[in-house]
Amino acid sequence: MAHTVEEQKRLLNRARRIRGQVDVVIRALEEESECSDVLHAIAVCRGALDSLMAEVINGHIRDHVLDQARKPTDEQIQAAEHLIDALKMYLK
């Protein structure tokens, strides 16, 4: 999935931060925190997961949907960019 070592490190770091955010939700539930605090922690996790999803989809479109070996046309590249932008908006 990650196509470079740098990209893999970046994605793994994001996933680890998400794990930490999920731990915050678990602690809040265990400690019977205020509902608003729990909801806020859940929203933070969801935002982080959506952001990670957008980044992985972006890489997938650029590296697998656009076949770089066949030199995508400008129209194909523009269509891919529009799709990536739409997905980012949807995941916000």
Protein backbone atom coordinates (compact mmCIF):
# COMPACT_ATOMS: atom_id res chain seq x y z
CA MET A 1 0.00 0.00 0.00
CA ALA A 2 2.65 2.56 0.95
CA HIS A 3 4.81 2.99 -2.09
CA THR A 4 7.86 4.52 -0.45
CA VAL A 5 9.58 4.02 2.88
CA GLU A 6 8.91 7.66 3.74
CA GLU A 7 5.21 7.30 2.94
CA GLN A 8 4.98 4.12 5.03
CA LYS A 9 6.59 5.84 8.00
CA ARG A 10 4.20 8.79 7.70
CA LEU A 11 1.12 6.54 7.49
CA LEU A 12 2.26 4.41 10.40
CA ASN A 13 2.87 7.51 12.52
CA ARG A 14 -0.64 8.74 11.76
CA ALA A 15 -2.12 5.35 12.63
CA ARG A 16 -0.20 5.31 15.91
CA ARG A 17 -1.52 8.79 16.78
CA ILE A 18 -5.03 7.50 16.07
CA ARG A 19 -4.40 4.59 18.41
CA GLY A 20 -3.47 7.12 21.09
CA GLN A 21 -6.66 9.06 20.42
CA VAL A 22 -8.72 5.87 20.74
CA ASP A 23 -7.00 5.24 24.08
CA VAL A 24 -8.26 8.66 25.19
CA VAL A 25 -11.83 7.59 24.31
CA ILE A 26 -11.41 4.36 26.27
CA ARG A 27 -10.08 6.21 29.32
CA ALA A 28 -12.90 8.74 29.13
CA LEU A 29 -15.46 5.94 29.08
CA GLU A 30 -13.76 4.04 31.89
CA GLU A 31 -13.60 7.19 34.02
CA GLU A 32 -17.23 8.02 33.24
CA SER A 33 -16.26 11.42 31.86
CA GLU A 34 -18.83 13.97 30.78
CA CYS A 35 -20.71 13.03 27.62
CA SER A 36 -19.42 16.14 25.86
CA ASP A 37 -15.82 15.12 26.58
CA VAL A 38 -16.43 11.60 25.25
CA LEU A 39 -18.17 12.96 22.14
CA HIS A 40 -15.32 15.36 21.50
CA ALA A 41 -12.74 12.55 21.81
CA ILE A 42 -14.77 10.38 19.42
CA ALA A 43 -15.04 13.25 16.92
CA VAL A 44 -11.26 13.73 17.04
CA CYS A 45 -10.77 10.03 16.27
CA ARG A 46 -13.23 10.12 13.42
CA GLY A 47 -11.54 13.16 11.90
CA ALA A 48 -8.14 11.51 12.15
CA LEU A 49 -9.41 8.28 10.57
CA ASP A 50 -11.12 10.19 7.76
CA SER A 51 -7.92 12.10 7.11
CA LEU A 52 -5.91 8.88 6.98
CA MET A 53 -8.53 7.35 4.67
CA ALA A 54 -8.28 10.35 2.33
CA GLU A 55 -4.50 10.05 2.20
CA VAL A 56 -4.59 6.32 1.40
CA ILE A 57 -7.28 6.82 -1.26
CA ASN A 58 -5.24 9.65 -2.75
CA GLY A 59 -2.19 7.36 -3.04
CA HIS A 60 -4.28 4.56 -4.48
CA ILE A 61 -5.75 6.77 -7.18
CA ARG A 62 -2.39 8.27 -8.10
CA ASP A 63 -0.47 4.97 -8.08
CA HIS A 64 -3.03 2.40 -9.23
CA VAL A 65 -5.99 4.04 -10.96
CA LEU A 66 -3.77 6.33 -13.02
CA ASP A 67 -1.51 3.86 -14.77
CA GLN A 68 1.81 5.71 -14.78
CA ALA A 69 3.28 3.16 -17.20
CA ARG A 70 0.75 4.27 -19.81
CA LYS A 71 1.30 8.00 -19.29
CA PRO A 72 -2.16 9.23 -18.25
CA THR A 73 -3.62 12.04 -20.33
CA ASP A 74 -4.13 15.51 -18.90
CA GLU A 75 -7.85 14.79 -18.87
CA GLN A 76 -7.33 11.61 -16.82
CA ILE A 77 -5.06 13.42 -14.39
CA GLN A 78 -7.60 16.22 -14.00
CA ALA A 79 -10.42 13.70 -13.45
CA ALA A 80 -8.34 11.96 -10.78
CA GLU A 81 -7.70 15.31 -9.06
CA HIS A 82 -11.43 16.07 -9.09
CA LEU A 83 -12.16 12.66 -7.58
CA ILE A 84 -9.54 13.15 -4.87
CA ASP A 85 -10.96 16.60 -4.05
CA ALA A 86 -14.51 15.23 -3.88
CA LEU A 87 -13.45 12.42 -1.56
CA LYS A 88 -11.61 14.85 0.72
CA MET A 89 -14.73 17.02 0.95
CA TYR A 90 -16.89 13.98 1.65
CA LEU A 91 -14.60 12.73 4.39
CA LYS A 92 -14.49 16.07 6.23
